[in-house]
Amino acid sequence: MDFAKRMTNYTDKFEELDLSLHGVRLPNFEITDAQKRDVKISEDSDNFTFLKALCEQGMRDNKLKGKVYKERLNYELETLNDLGFIDYILLVWDVTNFCKSKKIATGLGRGSAAGCLVLYLIGSTGIDPIKYELFFERFVSKVRAKKKVVDGVTYLDGSLMVDVDIDVCYHGRQEVLKYLNEKFSGKTSKVLTLTTLSSKLLIKECGKIIAEENEQEMNKVSAMIPKVFGSVKDISETYDEVEEFKEWVDSSEIRKEMYRTALKIRNLVKNKGIHASAIAICYDNLEDSCPSELSSEDKDKSKSKSSVKKA
C-alpha cells in the first residue's frame, strides 16, 4: 500500500470537529464604581460613557477647545463604539494608567495609534493628532475593520483589529506583566515564538553541519542572500538569481549536497522561545480555550512545589 493510500485510511478515522470560530472575542473590562465617581458619572454607566467622560476630562486638562476637536472626538468615539473596540481602548488606558501610577516610563505613541485623538485625551499617547495632522483612519476605519455578532456576542476580525504598541520601560515591564496576570487571573499567557529554518539561518546551519564550513565562511555566504522590501529571498530564488551564490554552491559536491538538504528542511521549526514582552489575554479561562504549556521558569516552580510536598 502506498503512502498516500495509508494516509487516506488514517485520516478517515477522524471525526469532523466544528469549533465555531467566529473571530476574536475581547476580554471584559470592568470599571470600578470609584473610577466612575472620579469622572463624575453615575455608577450604573456603561464603558462607553466612561470612556467619553475620560476624553472630555482630557479635553479640559489639555485646554483643547473648538469645533475641530469636538467633531473629531465624536467621530472617533462613534467609530470605536460601532466596531466594538471600547473595552480594548480602556484596557490600553488601564495599562498606561498603571505605569503612570508606578512611575514606569512609556512611549509617546508609535505607528498608527498616534493618529487617535481618544488615546491622546486619555493619556495613552502623548501626541496631539490634530496639531500634527495625523489621520485616525490609519488606526481604524469602518471600511477596513470588521465585526460579526453571533447569538448576541461580538466577534472581531483579528487581522483587522486596532493595534496600540505600548513602549514600556524595560525596568518596569515585569511589574506590568504581573499586574495583568493578577487582574485577569487564569486568562493570561506569555506568547510562544518559533524560530524557523529560513534562508540565511538555514544556509548557515547546513553549511556548518553538512559541508563542515566555518562560521566566517558561512557568514560570507549568507550575506549573498538579498533582501527585497525587507523580506529575505528564498534560497532557491537566490540560487537562480544570484550568480555568486550559485557558483559557491556548485563549487563542490559536498556544497551541492548541503544545498539539496537545505531545500528539504527549509521553514522547519529550529527552536521555540517566549516573546520578550507580549502577553495574551483571553475572554474565558485560558486552559478552557486553547492548549498551553508551562515555561521553563514555571516548570521549575512546579518541580519545587512537588518536592516540598514529597518531603
Protein backbone atom coordinates (compact mmCIF):
# COMPACT_ATOMS: atom_id res chain seq x y z
CA MET A 1 0.00 0.00 0.00
CA ASP A 2 1.48 3.35 -0.99
CA PHE A 3 1.95 6.24 1.44
CA ALA A 4 -0.93 8.37 0.08
CA LYS A 5 -3.41 5.49 0.49
CA ARG A 6 -2.20 4.74 4.03
CA MET A 7 -2.64 8.42 4.96
CA THR A 8 -6.20 8.43 3.50
CA ASN A 9 -7.14 5.40 5.57
CA TYR A 10 -5.63 7.06 8.65
CA THR A 11 -7.40 10.42 8.24
CA ASP A 12 -10.75 8.68 7.58
CA LYS A 13 -10.74 7.64 11.24
CA PHE A 14 -11.03 11.27 12.39
CA GLU A 15 -14.43 12.78 13.14
CA GLU A 16 -15.26 16.23 11.83
CA LEU A 17 -14.93 18.85 14.55
CA ASP A 18 -16.88 22.10 14.43
CA LEU A 19 -15.03 24.66 16.55
CA SER A 20 -17.38 27.54 15.67
CA LEU A 21 -14.53 30.02 15.29
CA HIS A 22 -16.15 33.36 14.56
CA GLY A 23 -13.24 35.70 15.32
CA VAL A 24 -11.64 37.45 18.31
CA ARG A 25 -13.70 38.00 21.45
CA LEU A 26 -12.21 40.75 23.58
CA PRO A 27 -11.93 40.21 27.35
CA ASN A 28 -14.46 42.02 29.53
CA PHE A 29 -13.11 45.17 31.11
CA GLU A 30 -14.77 46.25 34.35
CA ILE A 31 -14.71 49.84 35.60
CA THR A 32 -14.93 50.24 39.36
CA ASP A 33 -17.53 52.48 40.97
CA ALA A 34 -14.70 54.62 42.38
CA GLN A 35 -13.30 55.20 38.87
CA LYS A 36 -16.74 56.24 37.64
CA ARG A 37 -17.14 58.67 40.52
CA ASP A 38 -13.72 60.17 39.69
CA VAL A 39 -15.01 61.29 36.28
CA LYS A 40 -18.39 62.33 37.74
CA ILE A 41 -20.69 59.79 36.09
CA SER A 42 -23.27 57.53 37.73
CA GLU A 43 -22.21 54.08 38.96
CA ASP A 44 -24.60 52.34 36.54
CA SER A 45 -22.95 53.98 33.47
CA ASP A 46 -21.55 51.69 30.76
CA ASN A 47 -17.97 51.58 29.47
CA PHE A 48 -18.70 53.84 26.51
CA THR A 49 -19.99 56.57 28.83
CA PHE A 50 -16.90 56.16 31.00
CA LEU A 51 -14.54 56.46 28.02
CA LYS A 52 -16.40 59.54 26.77
CA ALA A 53 -16.13 61.14 30.22
CA LEU A 54 -12.38 60.36 30.29
CA CYS A 55 -11.96 62.08 26.91
CA GLU A 56 -13.93 65.15 27.99
CA GLN A 57 -11.76 65.39 31.09
CA GLY A 58 -8.70 65.11 28.83
CA MET A 59 -10.03 67.99 26.71
CA ARG A 60 -10.26 70.16 29.81
CA ASP A 61 -6.87 69.11 31.18
CA ASN A 62 -5.14 69.81 27.85
CA LYS A 63 -7.16 73.04 27.36
CA LEU A 64 -8.38 71.92 23.94
CA LYS A 65 -11.36 73.77 22.51
CA GLY A 66 -13.05 74.31 19.20
CA LYS A 67 -15.28 72.63 16.66
CA VAL A 68 -12.44 70.60 15.08
CA TYR A 69 -11.61 68.79 18.33
CA LYS A 70 -15.26 68.17 19.26
CA GLU A 71 -16.18 66.79 15.84
CA ARG A 72 -13.08 64.58 15.69
CA LEU A 73 -13.72 63.23 19.20
CA ASN A 74 -17.37 62.41 18.45
CA TYR A 75 -16.40 60.72 15.18
CA GLU A 76 -13.70 58.58 16.81
CA LEU A 77 -15.89 57.55 19.74
CA GLU A 78 -18.74 56.63 17.40
CA THR A 79 -16.42 54.55 15.21
CA LEU A 80 -14.78 52.74 18.14
CA ASN A 81 -18.18 52.01 19.68
CA ASP A 82 -19.74 50.75 16.43
CA LEU A 83 -16.81 48.38 15.82
CA GLY A 84 -16.72 47.03 19.38
CA PHE A 85 -13.32 48.45 20.39
CA ILE A 86 -14.32 50.34 23.56
CA ASP A 87 -13.07 47.69 26.02
CA TYR A 88 -9.78 47.35 24.11
CA ILE A 89 -9.14 51.11 24.36
CA LEU A 90 -9.96 51.02 28.07
CA LEU A 91 -7.54 48.12 28.56
CA VAL A 92 -4.79 50.21 26.94
CA TRP A 93 -5.78 53.13 29.19
CA ASP A 94 -5.62 50.89 32.26
CA VAL A 95 -2.11 49.67 31.42
CA THR A 96 -0.73 53.17 30.75
CA ASN A 97 -2.54 54.50 33.83
CA PHE A 98 -0.91 51.77 35.94
CA CYS A 99 2.50 52.69 34.50
CA LYS A 100 1.99 56.33 35.45
CA SER A 101 0.95 55.39 39.00
CA LYS A 102 4.15 53.32 39.37
CA LYS A 103 6.34 55.89 37.57
CA ILE A 104 7.17 53.42 34.78
CA ALA A 105 8.14 55.27 31.61
CA THR A 106 6.09 54.67 28.44
CA GLY A 107 6.45 55.93 24.87
CA LEU A 108 4.58 58.90 23.43
CA GLY A 109 2.90 56.80 20.74
CA ARG A 110 4.17 54.77 17.84
CA GLY A 111 2.66 53.84 14.49
CA SER A 112 -0.95 54.44 13.54
CA ALA A 113 -2.11 54.76 17.18
CA ALA A 114 -0.58 58.27 17.23
CA GLY A 115 -3.42 59.33 14.91
CA CYS A 116 -6.09 58.61 17.53
CA LEU A 117 -7.34 61.65 19.44
CA VAL A 118 -9.11 59.42 22.00
CA LEU A 119 -5.81 57.79 23.00
CA TYR A 120 -4.20 61.21 23.36
CA LEU A 121 -7.02 62.57 25.54
CA ILE A 122 -6.96 59.58 27.93
CA GLY A 123 -3.17 59.87 28.26
CA SER A 124 -2.19 56.65 26.45
CA THR A 125 -0.24 58.61 23.81
CA GLY A 126 1.49 61.97 24.06
CA ILE A 127 0.93 63.32 20.55
CA ASP A 128 -1.94 65.62 19.54
CA PRO A 129 -3.01 64.14 16.17
CA ILE A 130 -4.89 67.27 15.12
CA LYS A 131 -1.93 69.55 15.78
CA TYR A 132 0.31 67.29 13.65
CA GLU A 133 -2.39 66.48 11.06
CA LEU A 134 -2.40 62.71 11.68
CA PHE A 135 -5.23 60.56 10.32
CA PHE A 136 -7.47 58.47 12.58
CA GLU A 137 -8.33 56.19 9.61
CA ARG A 138 -4.77 54.84 9.60
CA PHE A 139 -5.53 53.49 13.08
CA VAL A 140 -9.01 52.13 12.38
CA SER A 141 -11.84 52.73 9.93
CA LYS A 142 -15.29 51.28 9.37
CA VAL A 143 -14.29 50.39 5.82
CA ARG A 144 -11.34 48.23 6.91
CA ALA A 145 -12.35 46.76 10.28
CA LYS A 146 -14.96 44.02 10.51
CA LYS A 147 -17.07 42.51 13.26
CA LYS A 148 -19.62 39.73 13.50
CA VAL A 149 -22.43 39.35 16.04
CA VAL A 150 -23.38 35.73 16.79
CA ASP A 151 -26.03 34.96 19.45
CA GLY A 152 -25.56 38.44 20.88
CA VAL A 153 -21.78 38.09 21.16
CA THR A 154 -19.48 40.42 19.18
CA TYR A 155 -16.51 38.85 17.41
CA LEU A 156 -13.78 40.89 15.68
CA ASP A 157 -11.62 40.05 12.69
CA GLY A 158 -8.21 39.58 14.33
CA SER A 159 -6.28 40.56 11.21
CA LEU A 160 -8.09 43.91 11.00
CA MET A 161 -8.15 44.95 14.66
CA VAL A 162 -6.85 48.17 16.10
CA ASP A 163 -3.27 47.85 17.31
CA VAL A 164 -1.70 50.01 20.01
CA ASP A 165 2.03 49.47 20.60
CA ILE A 166 2.83 50.45 24.17
CA ASP A 167 6.54 51.03 24.67
CA VAL A 168 7.10 50.21 28.34
CA CYS A 169 10.44 50.80 30.05
CA TYR A 170 12.37 47.53 30.32
CA HIS A 171 12.98 48.01 34.05
CA GLY A 172 9.24 48.15 34.82
CA ARG A 173 7.98 45.63 32.27
CA GLN A 174 7.77 42.66 34.65
CA GLU A 175 5.73 44.75 37.09
CA VAL A 176 3.20 45.48 34.32
CA LEU A 177 3.00 41.80 33.32
CA LYS A 178 2.46 40.83 36.96
CA TYR A 179 -0.34 43.41 37.23
CA LEU A 180 -2.13 41.97 34.17
CA ASN A 181 -1.66 38.38 35.38
CA GLU A 182 -3.34 39.29 38.67
CA LYS A 183 -6.09 41.41 37.10
CA PHE A 184 -7.01 38.73 34.55
CA SER A 185 -6.16 35.71 36.70
CA GLY A 186 -6.31 32.44 34.74
CA LYS A 187 -6.83 34.31 31.47
CA THR A 188 -3.29 35.37 30.56
CA SER A 189 -0.35 33.68 28.91
CA LYS A 190 3.06 34.52 27.57
CA VAL A 191 3.34 34.24 23.78
CA LEU A 192 5.28 31.43 22.14
CA THR A 193 7.78 32.36 19.43
CA LEU A 194 9.09 29.94 16.80
CA THR A 195 12.44 30.26 15.04
CA THR A 196 12.24 28.63 11.61
CA LEU A 197 15.00 27.48 9.30
CA SER A 198 14.65 30.11 6.62
CA SER A 199 17.18 31.43 4.13
CA LYS A 200 20.16 32.95 5.99
CA LEU A 201 19.84 30.84 9.16
CA LEU A 202 19.13 27.73 7.08
CA ILE A 203 22.18 28.11 4.84
CA LYS A 204 24.41 28.88 7.84
CA GLU A 205 23.34 25.80 9.80
CA CYS A 206 23.51 23.44 6.82
CA GLY A 207 26.87 24.82 5.74
CA LYS A 208 28.44 24.29 9.17
CA ILE A 209 26.94 20.85 9.82
CA ILE A 210 26.83 19.18 6.38
CA ALA A 211 29.62 20.92 4.43
CA GLU A 212 31.73 21.41 7.61
CA GLU A 213 32.38 25.06 6.75
CA ASN A 214 33.49 27.51 9.42
CA GLU A 215 31.40 30.33 10.86
CA GLN A 216 33.27 33.05 8.96
CA GLU A 217 32.73 31.34 5.60
CA MET A 218 29.02 30.82 6.20
CA ASN A 219 28.56 34.42 7.31
CA LYS A 220 30.01 35.45 3.96
CA VAL A 221 27.71 33.05 2.07
CA SER A 222 24.55 34.05 3.96
CA ALA A 223 25.35 37.69 3.14
CA MET A 224 24.92 36.78 -0.55
CA ILE A 225 21.18 36.17 0.08
CA PRO A 226 19.49 39.51 -0.69
CA LYS A 227 16.58 41.31 0.94
CA VAL A 228 13.74 42.69 -1.17
CA PHE A 229 11.44 45.24 0.51
CA GLY A 230 12.61 43.98 3.90
CA SER A 231 11.97 40.29 3.16
CA VAL A 232 14.86 37.84 2.75
CA LYS A 233 14.78 35.93 -0.54
CA ASP A 234 14.22 32.17 -0.56
CA ILE A 235 17.39 30.11 -1.16
CA SER A 236 16.04 28.61 -4.40
CA GLU A 237 15.34 32.10 -5.78
CA THR A 238 18.80 33.18 -4.63
CA TYR A 239 20.36 30.21 -6.43
CA ASP A 240 18.53 31.16 -9.66
CA GLU A 241 19.20 34.90 -9.46
CA VAL A 242 22.50 35.46 -7.60
CA GLU A 243 25.42 34.17 -9.68
CA GLU A 244 27.92 34.42 -6.82
CA PHE A 245 25.76 32.21 -4.59
CA LYS A 246 25.20 29.66 -7.40
CA GLU A 247 28.92 29.43 -8.10
CA TRP A 248 29.66 28.83 -4.43
CA VAL A 249 27.07 26.03 -4.21
CA ASP A 250 28.26 24.37 -7.45
CA SER A 251 31.96 24.57 -6.50
CA SER A 252 31.98 21.13 -4.80
CA GLU A 253 29.86 18.01 -4.36
CA ILE A 254 29.55 18.46 -0.60
CA ARG A 255 28.23 22.01 -1.09
CA LYS A 256 25.70 20.73 -3.65
CA GLU A 257 24.60 18.08 -1.14
CA MET A 258 24.32 20.78 1.52
CA TYR A 259 22.09 22.86 -0.79
CA ARG A 260 19.83 19.90 -1.63
CA THR A 261 19.41 19.13 2.06
CA ALA A 262 18.65 22.78 2.82
CA LEU A 263 15.83 22.72 0.24
CA LYS A 264 14.26 19.74 2.03
CA ILE A 265 14.26 21.21 5.54
CA ARG A 266 13.62 24.92 4.87
CA ASN A 267 10.98 26.55 7.08
CA LEU A 268 11.04 23.72 9.64
CA VAL A 269 10.99 24.91 13.26
CA LYS A 270 14.51 25.08 14.73
CA ASN A 271 13.60 26.09 18.26
CA LYS A 272 10.99 27.90 20.32
CA GLY A 273 11.11 30.70 22.82
CA ILE A 274 8.98 33.26 24.65
CA HIS A 275 8.23 36.76 23.39
CA ALA A 276 10.15 39.35 25.41
CA SER A 277 7.12 41.40 26.41
CA ALA A 278 3.89 40.25 24.69
CA ILE A 279 1.08 38.77 26.76
CA ALA A 280 -2.15 37.19 25.52
CA ILE A 281 -5.37 37.96 27.42
CA CYS A 282 -8.30 35.61 26.89
CA TYR A 283 -12.05 36.18 27.33
CA ASP A 284 -12.52 32.79 29.04
CA ASN A 285 -10.15 30.87 31.27
CA LEU A 286 -7.19 30.16 29.01
CA GLU A 287 -7.00 26.41 29.67
CA ASP A 288 -10.66 26.07 28.63
CA SER A 289 -9.94 27.83 25.33
CA CYS A 290 -6.65 26.62 23.86
CA PRO A 291 -3.68 24.31 24.52
CA SER A 292 -0.82 25.80 26.50
CA GLU A 293 2.39 24.68 28.18
CA LEU A 294 4.45 25.74 31.17
CA SER A 295 7.52 27.87 30.54
CA SER A 296 10.85 26.58 31.83
CA GLU A 297 10.54 29.02 34.75
CA ASP A 298 7.06 27.75 35.66
CA LYS A 299 8.21 24.13 35.28
CA ASP A 300 10.99 24.80 37.80
CA LYS A 301 8.44 26.29 40.22
CA SER A 302 6.16 23.29 39.74
CA LYS A 303 9.04 20.85 40.46
CA SER A 304 9.99 22.85 43.54
CA LYS A 305 6.44 22.65 44.92
CA SER A 306 6.13 18.91 44.30
CA SER A 307 9.49 18.25 46.00
CA VAL A 308 8.26 20.19 49.07
CA LYS A 309 5.07 18.10 49.15
CA LYS A 310 7.06 14.86 48.91
CA ALA A 311 9.31 15.97 51.75
